[in-house]
């Protein structure tokens, strides 16, 4: 297995658990098109996660080269 394949499996596992966490009734998930985040619903307390960052999807002028 290559390093990239290992990293992809790890990422897939993280995304699965963070999506699962977002299914809790006091949490919500937002996908901006460039990244996803999970946060507590308004009026609830909890932790926020930013993940699945897709820098390659940013418009070319916003990508730092």
N, C-alpha and C. Protein backbone atom coordinates (compact mmCIF):
# COMPACT_ATOMS: atom_id res chain seq x y z
N UNK A 1 0.86 -1.18 0.00
CA UNK A 1 0.00 0.00 0.00
C UNK A 1 0.90 1.24 0.00
N UNK A 2 0.57 2.20 -0.83
CA UNK A 2 1.37 3.42 -0.92
C UNK A 2 1.01 4.38 0.21
N UNK A 3 1.88 5.35 0.43
CA UNK A 3 1.62 6.37 1.46
C UNK A 3 0.31 7.11 1.17
N UNK A 4 0.06 7.42 -0.09
CA UNK A 4 -1.17 8.14 -0.44
C UNK A 4 -2.41 7.30 -0.17
N UNK A 5 -2.34 6.00 -0.39
CA UNK A 5 -3.48 5.13 -0.10
C UNK A 5 -3.74 5.06 1.39
N UNK A 6 -2.69 5.00 2.18
CA UNK A 6 -2.83 4.98 3.64
C UNK A 6 -3.47 6.28 4.12
N UNK A 7 -2.99 7.40 3.61
CA UNK A 7 -3.54 8.71 4.00
C UNK A 7 -5.02 8.79 3.61
N UNK A 8 -5.39 8.28 2.44
CA UNK A 8 -6.78 8.32 2.00
C UNK A 8 -7.68 7.50 2.93
N UNK A 9 -7.21 6.35 3.37
CA UNK A 9 -7.98 5.52 4.31
C UNK A 9 -8.17 6.24 5.64
N UNK A 10 -7.13 6.90 6.11
CA UNK A 10 -7.22 7.65 7.37
C UNK A 10 -8.23 8.79 7.21
N UNK A 11 -8.11 9.54 6.11
CA UNK A 11 -9.06 10.64 5.86
C UNK A 11 -10.49 10.14 5.80
N UNK A 12 -10.72 9.03 5.08
CA UNK A 12 -12.06 8.48 4.97
C UNK A 12 -12.63 8.11 6.34
N UNK A 13 -11.80 7.55 7.21
CA UNK A 13 -12.24 7.20 8.57
C UNK A 13 -12.60 8.43 9.37
N UNK A 14 -11.78 9.46 9.26
CA UNK A 14 -12.06 10.71 9.98
C UNK A 14 -13.37 11.32 9.50
N UNK A 15 -13.57 11.37 8.19
CA UNK A 15 -14.79 11.95 7.64
C UNK A 15 -16.01 11.17 8.11
N UNK A 16 -15.90 9.84 8.15
CA UNK A 16 -17.01 9.01 8.61
C UNK A 16 -17.40 9.38 10.03
N UNK A 17 -16.44 9.45 10.94
CA UNK A 17 -16.76 9.73 12.33
C UNK A 17 -17.23 11.16 12.56
N UNK A 18 -16.68 12.12 11.84
CA UNK A 18 -17.15 13.50 11.99
C UNK A 18 -18.55 13.67 11.40
N UNK A 19 -18.84 13.00 10.30
CA UNK A 19 -20.21 13.02 9.75
C UNK A 19 -21.17 12.35 10.73
N UNK A 20 -20.75 11.26 11.33
CA UNK A 20 -21.56 10.55 12.32
C UNK A 20 -21.83 11.45 13.52
N UNK A 21 -20.80 12.17 13.99
CA UNK A 21 -20.94 13.10 15.10
C UNK A 21 -21.94 14.20 14.76
N UNK A 22 -21.93 14.65 13.50
CA UNK A 22 -22.84 15.72 13.06
C UNK A 22 -24.30 15.26 13.07
N UNK A 23 -24.53 13.95 13.08
CA UNK A 23 -25.91 13.43 13.11
C UNK A 23 -26.57 13.59 14.47
N UNK A 24 -25.80 13.93 15.51
CA UNK A 24 -26.40 14.14 16.83
C UNK A 24 -27.39 15.29 16.73
N UNK A 25 -28.50 15.20 17.48
CA UNK A 25 -29.56 16.19 17.32
C UNK A 25 -29.16 17.60 17.75
N UNK A 26 -28.09 17.74 18.54
CA UNK A 26 -27.66 19.07 18.96
C UNK A 26 -26.56 19.65 18.06
N UNK A 27 -26.20 18.90 16.99
CA UNK A 27 -25.13 19.34 16.10
C UNK A 27 -25.68 19.55 14.69
N UNK A 28 -24.92 20.29 13.87
CA UNK A 28 -25.26 20.46 12.47
C UNK A 28 -23.98 20.48 11.65
N UNK A 29 -24.12 20.13 10.37
CA UNK A 29 -22.98 20.11 9.47
C UNK A 29 -23.24 21.07 8.33
N UNK A 30 -22.22 21.82 7.97
CA UNK A 30 -22.31 22.77 6.87
C UNK A 30 -21.20 22.44 5.88
N UNK A 31 -21.51 22.42 4.60
CA UNK A 31 -20.52 22.22 3.55
C UNK A 31 -20.48 23.49 2.73
N UNK A 32 -19.36 24.18 2.76
CA UNK A 32 -19.22 25.45 2.04
C UNK A 32 -18.83 25.25 0.58
N UNK A 33 -18.54 24.02 0.20
CA UNK A 33 -18.03 23.75 -1.13
C UNK A 33 -16.51 23.66 -1.15
N UNK A 34 -15.88 24.26 -0.15
CA UNK A 34 -14.42 24.23 -0.04
C UNK A 34 -13.97 23.47 1.21
N UNK A 35 -14.86 23.33 2.17
CA UNK A 35 -14.59 22.57 3.38
C UNK A 35 -15.92 22.27 4.05
N UNK A 36 -15.89 21.32 4.98
CA UNK A 36 -17.08 21.01 5.78
C UNK A 36 -16.77 21.37 7.22
N UNK A 37 -17.80 21.74 7.96
CA UNK A 37 -17.62 21.89 9.39
C UNK A 37 -18.86 21.43 10.13
N UNK A 38 -18.60 20.93 11.30
CA UNK A 38 -19.64 20.46 12.21
C UNK A 38 -19.59 21.38 13.42
N UNK A 39 -20.76 21.82 13.85
CA UNK A 39 -20.82 22.73 14.99
C UNK A 39 -22.10 22.49 15.76
N UNK A 40 -22.15 23.01 16.99
CA UNK A 40 -23.40 22.88 17.76
C UNK A 40 -24.50 23.74 17.11
N UNK A 41 -25.72 23.28 17.19
CA UNK A 41 -26.85 24.09 16.71
C UNK A 41 -26.97 25.34 17.59
N UNK A 42 -27.59 26.39 17.08
CA UNK A 42 -27.77 27.60 17.90
C UNK A 42 -28.42 27.27 19.24
N UNK A 43 -27.84 27.81 20.30
CA UNK A 43 -28.36 27.59 21.65
C UNK A 43 -27.79 26.35 22.32
N UNK A 44 -27.02 25.56 21.60
CA UNK A 44 -26.40 24.36 22.15
C UNK A 44 -24.92 24.61 22.39
N UNK A 45 -24.33 23.79 23.23
CA UNK A 45 -22.89 23.89 23.48
C UNK A 45 -22.21 22.66 22.91
N UNK A 46 -20.97 22.83 22.54
CA UNK A 46 -20.20 21.72 22.00
C UNK A 46 -18.98 22.22 21.27
N UNK A 47 -18.34 21.31 20.60
CA UNK A 47 -17.10 21.62 19.89
C UNK A 47 -17.38 21.71 18.39
N UNK A 48 -16.57 22.48 17.70
CA UNK A 48 -16.69 22.62 16.25
C UNK A 48 -15.48 21.97 15.58
N UNK A 49 -15.70 21.39 14.41
CA UNK A 49 -14.64 20.76 13.64
C UNK A 49 -14.68 21.30 12.22
N UNK A 50 -13.53 21.68 11.69
CA UNK A 50 -13.39 22.02 10.28
C UNK A 50 -12.60 20.89 9.65
N UNK A 51 -13.10 20.33 8.55
CA UNK A 51 -12.44 19.18 7.94
C UNK A 51 -12.80 19.09 6.47
N UNK A 52 -12.22 18.13 5.80
CA UNK A 52 -12.44 17.91 4.37
C UNK A 52 -12.15 19.20 3.59
N UNK A 53 -11.00 19.79 3.87
CA UNK A 53 -10.60 21.04 3.21
C UNK A 53 -10.19 20.70 1.78
N UNK A 54 -10.82 21.37 0.82
CA UNK A 54 -10.60 21.11 -0.60
C UNK A 54 -10.00 22.34 -1.27
N UNK A 55 -8.73 22.59 -0.99
CA UNK A 55 -8.07 23.78 -1.52
C UNK A 55 -8.04 23.78 -3.04
N UNK A 56 -7.98 22.59 -3.64
CA UNK A 56 -7.93 22.52 -5.10
C UNK A 56 -9.23 23.02 -5.73
N UNK A 57 -10.31 23.11 -4.95
CA UNK A 57 -11.59 23.61 -5.47
C UNK A 57 -11.73 25.13 -5.37
N UNK A 58 -10.78 25.78 -4.70
CA UNK A 58 -10.82 27.24 -4.62
C UNK A 58 -10.63 27.84 -6.01
N UNK A 59 -11.23 29.00 -6.26
CA UNK A 59 -10.96 29.68 -7.52
C UNK A 59 -9.44 29.95 -7.65
N UNK A 60 -8.95 29.89 -8.84
CA UNK A 60 -7.49 30.01 -9.08
C UNK A 60 -6.89 31.24 -8.41
N UNK A 61 -7.59 32.37 -8.43
CA UNK A 61 -7.04 33.61 -7.85
C UNK A 61 -6.95 33.55 -6.32
N UNK A 62 -7.65 32.61 -5.69
CA UNK A 62 -7.57 32.47 -4.24
C UNK A 62 -6.57 31.40 -3.80
N UNK A 63 -6.07 30.65 -4.74
CA UNK A 63 -5.07 29.64 -4.40
C UNK A 63 -3.70 30.32 -4.26
N UNK A 64 -3.04 30.01 -3.18
CA UNK A 64 -1.69 30.54 -2.98
C UNK A 64 -0.72 29.57 -3.65
N UNK A 65 0.04 30.09 -4.56
CA UNK A 65 0.95 29.22 -5.33
C UNK A 65 2.36 29.39 -4.83
